[in-house]
Amino acid sequence: MKNVIRKRQLPHAFDVKSQQSAMVNKANYDIMIKTM
């Protein structure tokens, strides 16, 4: 329940975090493709 409340209070922070992780995942994916 605490997580739900926190997400509701800080939706922007969670969005930024997920965006950053998505960018990192894409960068890692691109590097993997280039090194293959």
N, C-alpha and C. Protein backbone atom coordinates (compact mmCIF):
# COMPACT_ATOMS: atom_id res chain seq x y z
N MET A 1 0.84 -1.21 0.00
CA MET A 1 0.00 0.00 0.00
C MET A 1 0.86 1.26 0.00
N LYS A 2 1.96 1.23 0.74
CA LYS A 2 2.83 2.42 0.80
C LYS A 2 3.32 2.81 -0.60
N ASN A 3 3.69 1.81 -1.38
CA ASN A 3 4.18 2.10 -2.74
C ASN A 3 3.12 2.80 -3.57
N VAL A 4 1.87 2.36 -3.44
CA VAL A 4 0.79 2.97 -4.22
C VAL A 4 0.65 4.44 -3.84
N ILE A 5 0.68 4.73 -2.55
CA ILE A 5 0.54 6.12 -2.09
C ILE A 5 1.72 6.94 -2.61
N ARG A 6 2.91 6.39 -2.51
CA ARG A 6 4.09 7.11 -2.95
C ARG A 6 4.01 7.42 -4.44
N LYS A 7 3.59 6.44 -5.22
CA LYS A 7 3.50 6.65 -6.67
C LYS A 7 2.49 7.74 -6.98
N ARG A 8 1.41 7.78 -6.22
CA ARG A 8 0.39 8.79 -6.48
C ARG A 8 0.93 10.18 -6.14
N GLN A 9 1.76 10.26 -5.11
CA GLN A 9 2.28 11.57 -4.69
C GLN A 9 3.41 12.03 -5.62
N LEU A 10 4.21 11.08 -6.11
CA LEU A 10 5.37 11.46 -6.92
C LEU A 10 5.31 10.78 -8.29
N PRO A 11 4.28 11.05 -9.08
CA PRO A 11 4.21 10.41 -10.39
C PRO A 11 5.32 10.87 -11.32
N HIS A 12 5.69 12.15 -11.19
CA HIS A 12 6.71 12.71 -12.07
C HIS A 12 8.05 12.02 -11.85
N ALA A 13 8.42 11.84 -10.58
CA ALA A 13 9.71 11.22 -10.27
C ALA A 13 9.76 9.81 -10.85
N PHE A 14 8.65 9.08 -10.74
CA PHE A 14 8.64 7.71 -11.27
C PHE A 14 8.72 7.75 -12.80
N ASP A 15 8.05 8.70 -13.42
CA ASP A 15 8.11 8.81 -14.88
C ASP A 15 9.54 9.07 -15.33
N VAL A 16 10.22 9.99 -14.64
CA VAL A 16 11.60 10.32 -15.01
C VAL A 16 12.48 9.09 -14.85
N LYS A 17 12.29 8.37 -13.75
CA LYS A 17 13.11 7.17 -13.52
C LYS A 17 12.89 6.15 -14.62
N SER A 18 11.64 5.90 -14.98
CA SER A 18 11.35 4.90 -16.01
C SER A 18 11.89 5.37 -17.36
N GLN A 19 11.81 6.67 -17.63
CA GLN A 19 12.36 7.20 -18.88
C GLN A 19 13.87 6.99 -18.92
N GLN A 20 14.55 7.29 -17.80
CA GLN A 20 16.00 7.13 -17.75
C GLN A 20 16.38 5.67 -17.97
N SER A 21 15.68 4.75 -17.28
CA SER A 21 16.01 3.33 -17.41
C SER A 21 15.75 2.87 -18.84
N ALA A 22 14.69 3.39 -19.46
CA ALA A 22 14.40 3.01 -20.84
C ALA A 22 15.52 3.49 -21.76
N MET A 23 16.01 4.71 -21.55
CA MET A 23 17.10 5.24 -22.37
C MET A 23 18.35 4.40 -22.18
N VAL A 24 18.64 4.04 -20.93
CA VAL A 24 19.83 3.22 -20.64
C VAL A 24 19.70 1.87 -21.32
N ASN A 25 18.51 1.26 -21.22
CA ASN A 25 18.30 -0.04 -21.86
C ASN A 25 18.51 0.06 -23.36
N LYS A 26 18.01 1.14 -23.97
CA LYS A 26 18.16 1.31 -25.42
C LYS A 26 19.63 1.48 -25.78
N ALA A 27 20.37 2.25 -24.98
CA ALA A 27 21.79 2.46 -25.24
C ALA A 27 22.53 1.13 -25.15
N ASN A 28 22.25 0.35 -24.11
CA ASN A 28 22.90 -0.95 -23.96
C ASN A 28 22.56 -1.84 -25.15
N TYR A 29 21.31 -1.80 -25.58
CA TYR A 29 20.86 -2.61 -26.72
C TYR A 29 21.62 -2.21 -27.99
N ASP A 30 21.75 -0.90 -28.21
CA ASP A 30 22.47 -0.41 -29.39
C ASP A 30 23.92 -0.88 -29.34
N ILE A 31 24.55 -0.80 -28.17
CA ILE A 31 25.95 -1.22 -28.03
C ILE A 31 26.07 -2.71 -28.33
N MET A 32 25.13 -3.50 -27.82
CA MET A 32 25.16 -4.95 -28.07
C MET A 32 25.08 -5.23 -29.56
N ILE A 33 24.19 -4.53 -30.26
CA ILE A 33 24.03 -4.75 -31.71
C ILE A 33 25.31 -4.37 -32.44
N LYS A 34 25.94 -3.27 -32.05
CA LYS A 34 27.15 -2.82 -32.73
C LYS A 34 28.31 -3.79 -32.51
N THR A 35 28.39 -4.37 -31.32
CA THR A 35 29.53 -5.25 -31.01
C THR A 35 29.32 -6.65 -31.57
N MET A 36 28.09 -6.98 -31.98
CA MET A 36 27.85 -8.33 -32.52
C MET A 36 28.45 -8.47 -33.91
